[in-house]
Amino acid sequence: MTADYKLTSDPNVVQRTSDGAFISNDNRNQVWNDYIQWLRVPDHTPDPADVPVVLTPREIAQALLGSTEPTAIVLRGLITLLAQRFGLTPAQVLTAIVNAAN
């Protein structure tokens, strides 16, 4: 059963599950105060935060290569263009992108 709220990776933000809205820890925010009131009810516990999935560049490349989704096709094209532009291999570009995101 899904709770009314879900924790996020940011301890100062929760997500309302009914509409996906993110609610910031601000006592001037009535929606935050509603969340605090909800927490005070016995047995009201927010759902845990999602565990981030960490993929290696190799896993990302395999997912991109094996996908026929339009987004994957565009990403493969962009990676190829960047590789050509900077004299790198597509694997080097993908590794640089993943490293920059971390």
C-alpha atoms as a PDB file:
ATOM      1  CA  MET A   1       0.000   0.000   0.000  1.00  0.00           C
ATOM      2  CA  THR A   2       1.329   3.431  -0.930  1.00  0.00           C
ATOM      3  CA  ALA A   3       1.573   6.146   1.702  1.00  0.00           C
ATOM      4  CA  ASP A   4       0.367   9.689   1.067  1.00  0.00           C
ATOM      5  CA  TYR A   5       3.963  10.920   1.042  1.00  0.00           C
ATOM      6  CA  LYS A   6       7.348   9.612  -0.036  1.00  0.00           C
ATOM      7  CA  LEU A   7      10.800  10.577   1.192  1.00  0.00           C
ATOM      8  CA  THR A   8      13.367  11.808  -1.334  1.00  0.00           C
ATOM      9  CA  SER A   9      17.163  11.793  -1.379  1.00  0.00           C
ATOM     10  CA  ASP A  10      16.974  15.363  -0.023  1.00  0.00           C
ATOM     11  CA  PRO A  11      16.023  15.301   3.676  1.00  0.00           C
ATOM     12  CA  ASN A  12      14.327  18.697   3.281  1.00  0.00           C
ATOM     13  CA  VAL A  13      11.954  17.582   0.537  1.00  0.00           C
ATOM     14  CA  VAL A  14       9.140  15.020   0.443  1.00  0.00           C
ATOM     15  CA  GLN A  15       6.949  13.983  -2.446  1.00  0.00           C
ATOM     16  CA  ARG A  16       3.169  13.834  -2.279  1.00  0.00           C
ATOM     17  CA  THR A  17       2.197  10.565  -3.932  1.00  0.00           C
ATOM     18  CA  SER A  18      -1.261  11.649  -5.091  1.00  0.00           C
ATOM     19  CA  ASP A  19       0.116  14.077  -7.678  1.00  0.00           C
ATOM     20  CA  GLY A  20       3.913  13.731  -7.529  1.00  0.00           C
ATOM     21  CA  ALA A  21       4.381  17.253  -6.128  1.00  0.00           C
ATOM     22  CA  PHE A  22       7.636  17.926  -4.287  1.00  0.00           C
ATOM     23  CA  ILE A  23       7.185  19.721  -0.975  1.00  0.00           C
ATOM     24  CA  SER A  24      10.015  21.719   0.609  1.00  0.00           C
ATOM     25  CA  ASN A  25      10.691  21.995   4.310  1.00  0.00           C
ATOM     26  CA  ASP A  26       9.350  25.488   4.946  1.00  0.00           C
ATOM     27  CA  ASN A  27       7.128  26.266   7.916  1.00  0.00           C
ATOM     28  CA  ARG A  28       5.563  29.117   5.912  1.00  0.00           C
ATOM     29  CA  ASN A  29       4.375  26.562   3.353  1.00  0.00           C
ATOM     30  CA  GLN A  30       0.923  25.255   4.260  1.00  0.00           C
ATOM     31  CA  VAL A  31       1.492  22.093   2.219  1.00  0.00           C
ATOM     32  CA  TRP A  32       4.588  21.310   4.332  1.00  0.00           C
ATOM     33  CA  ASN A  33       2.559  21.927   7.475  1.00  0.00           C
ATOM     34  CA  ASP A  34      -0.095  19.529   6.158  1.00  0.00           C
ATOM     35  CA  TYR A  35       2.648  16.907   5.796  1.00  0.00           C
ATOM     36  CA  ILE A  36       3.831  17.518   9.377  1.00  0.00           C
ATOM     37  CA  GLN A  37       0.251  17.110  10.629  1.00  0.00           C
ATOM     38  CA  TRP A  38      -0.082  13.893   8.607  1.00  0.00           C
ATOM     39  CA  LEU A  39       3.102  12.544  10.253  1.00  0.00           C
ATOM     40  CA  ARG A  40       1.628  13.078  13.713  1.00  0.00           C
ATOM     41  CA  VAL A  41      -1.116  10.524  13.092  1.00  0.00           C
ATOM     42  CA  PRO A  42      -0.199   7.074  14.451  1.00  0.00           C
ATOM     43  CA  ASP A  43       0.838   4.612  11.735  1.00  0.00           C
ATOM     44  CA  HIS A  44       1.455   7.401   9.189  1.00  0.00           C
ATOM     45  CA  THR A  45       4.874   6.691   7.760  1.00  0.00           C
ATOM     46  CA  PRO A  46       6.097   8.048   4.431  1.00  0.00           C
ATOM     47  CA  ASP A  47       7.288   5.598   1.812  1.00  0.00           C
ATOM     48  CA  PRO A  48      11.095   5.320   1.652  1.00  0.00           C
ATOM     49  CA  ALA A  49      13.101   7.221  -0.945  1.00  0.00           C
ATOM     50  CA  ASP A  50      14.006   5.451  -4.156  1.00  0.00           C
ATOM     51  CA  VAL A  51      17.437   3.888  -4.139  1.00  0.00           C
ATOM     52  CA  PRO A  52      19.435   5.489  -6.950  1.00  0.00           C
ATOM     53  CA  VAL A  53      20.535   3.104  -9.667  1.00  0.00           C
ATOM     54  CA  VAL A  54      24.195   3.469 -10.527  1.00  0.00           C
ATOM     55  CA  LEU A  55      25.161   2.077 -13.891  1.00  0.00           C
ATOM     56  CA  THR A  56      28.644   1.710 -15.292  1.00  0.00           C
ATOM     57  CA  PRO A  57      29.453   3.273 -18.662  1.00  0.00           C
ATOM     58  CA  ARG A  58      29.487  -0.263 -20.088  1.00  0.00           C
ATOM     59  CA  GLU A  59      25.952  -0.966 -18.798  1.00  0.00           C
ATOM     60  CA  ILE A  60      24.719   2.333 -20.207  1.00  0.00           C
ATOM     61  CA  ALA A  61      26.330   1.582 -23.566  1.00  0.00           C
ATOM     62  CA  GLN A  62      24.747  -1.874 -23.669  1.00  0.00           C
ATOM     63  CA  ALA A  63      21.339  -0.381 -22.881  1.00  0.00           C
ATOM     64  CA  LEU A  64      21.745   2.271 -25.586  1.00  0.00           C
ATOM     65  CA  LEU A  65      22.986  -0.188 -28.185  1.00  0.00           C
ATOM     66  CA  GLY A  66      20.227  -2.675 -27.528  1.00  0.00           C
ATOM     67  CA  SER A  67      17.393  -0.165 -27.582  1.00  0.00           C
ATOM     68  CA  THR A  68      15.219   0.904 -30.500  1.00  0.00           C
ATOM     69  CA  GLU A  69      13.627   3.706 -28.468  1.00  0.00           C
ATOM     70  CA  PRO A  70      13.838   7.064 -30.269  1.00  0.00           C
ATOM     71  CA  THR A  71      15.706   8.598 -27.328  1.00  0.00           C
ATOM     72  CA  ALA A  72      18.376   5.895 -27.454  1.00  0.00           C
ATOM     73  CA  ILE A  73      18.781   6.380 -31.210  1.00  0.00           C
ATOM     74  CA  VAL A  74      19.239  10.134 -30.758  1.00  0.00           C
ATOM     75  CA  LEU A  75      21.720   9.605 -27.913  1.00  0.00           C
ATOM     76  CA  ARG A  76      23.762   7.188 -30.013  1.00  0.00           C
ATOM     77  CA  GLY A  77      23.888   9.800 -32.761  1.00  0.00           C
ATOM     78  CA  LEU A  78      24.958  12.552 -30.369  1.00  0.00           C
ATOM     79  CA  ILE A  79      27.652  10.371 -28.846  1.00  0.00           C
ATOM     80  CA  THR A  80      28.958   9.550 -32.332  1.00  0.00           C
ATOM     81  CA  LEU A  81      28.998  13.242 -33.312  1.00  0.00           C
ATOM     82  CA  LEU A  82      30.825  14.210 -30.126  1.00  0.00           C
ATOM     83  CA  ALA A  83      33.343  11.428 -30.647  1.00  0.00           C
ATOM     84  CA  GLN A  84      34.061  12.625 -34.186  1.00  0.00           C
ATOM     85  CA  ARG A  85      34.245  16.280 -33.108  1.00  0.00           C
ATOM     86  CA  PHE A  86      36.748  15.653 -30.321  1.00  0.00           C
ATOM     87  CA  GLY A  87      38.692  12.776 -31.860  1.00  0.00           C
ATOM     88  CA  LEU A  88      37.516  10.271 -29.274  1.00  0.00           C
ATOM     89  CA  THR A  89      35.882   6.893 -29.404  1.00  0.00           C
ATOM     90  CA  PRO A  90      32.177   6.666 -28.540  1.00  0.00           C
ATOM     91  CA  ALA A  91      33.171   4.695 -25.425  1.00  0.00           C
ATOM     92  CA  GLN A  92      35.424   7.556 -24.288  1.00  0.00           C
ATOM     93  CA  VAL A  93      32.611  10.083 -24.809  1.00  0.00           C
ATOM     94  CA  LEU A  94      30.169   7.940 -22.870  1.00  0.00           C
ATOM     95  CA  THR A  95      32.653   7.491 -20.025  1.00  0.00           C
ATOM     96  CA  ALA A  96      33.254  11.261 -19.895  1.00  0.00           C
ATOM     97  CA  ILE A  97      29.515  11.947 -19.773  1.00  0.00           C
ATOM     98  CA  VAL A  98      28.960   9.433 -16.975  1.00  0.00           C
ATOM     99  CA  ASN A  99      31.938  10.737 -15.000  1.00  0.00           C
ATOM    100  CA  ALA A 100      30.759  14.330 -15.388  1.00  0.00           C
ATOM    101  CA  ALA A 101      27.337  13.370 -14.013  1.00  0.00           C
ATOM    102  CA  ASN A 102      28.885  11.870 -10.864  1.00  0.00           C
END
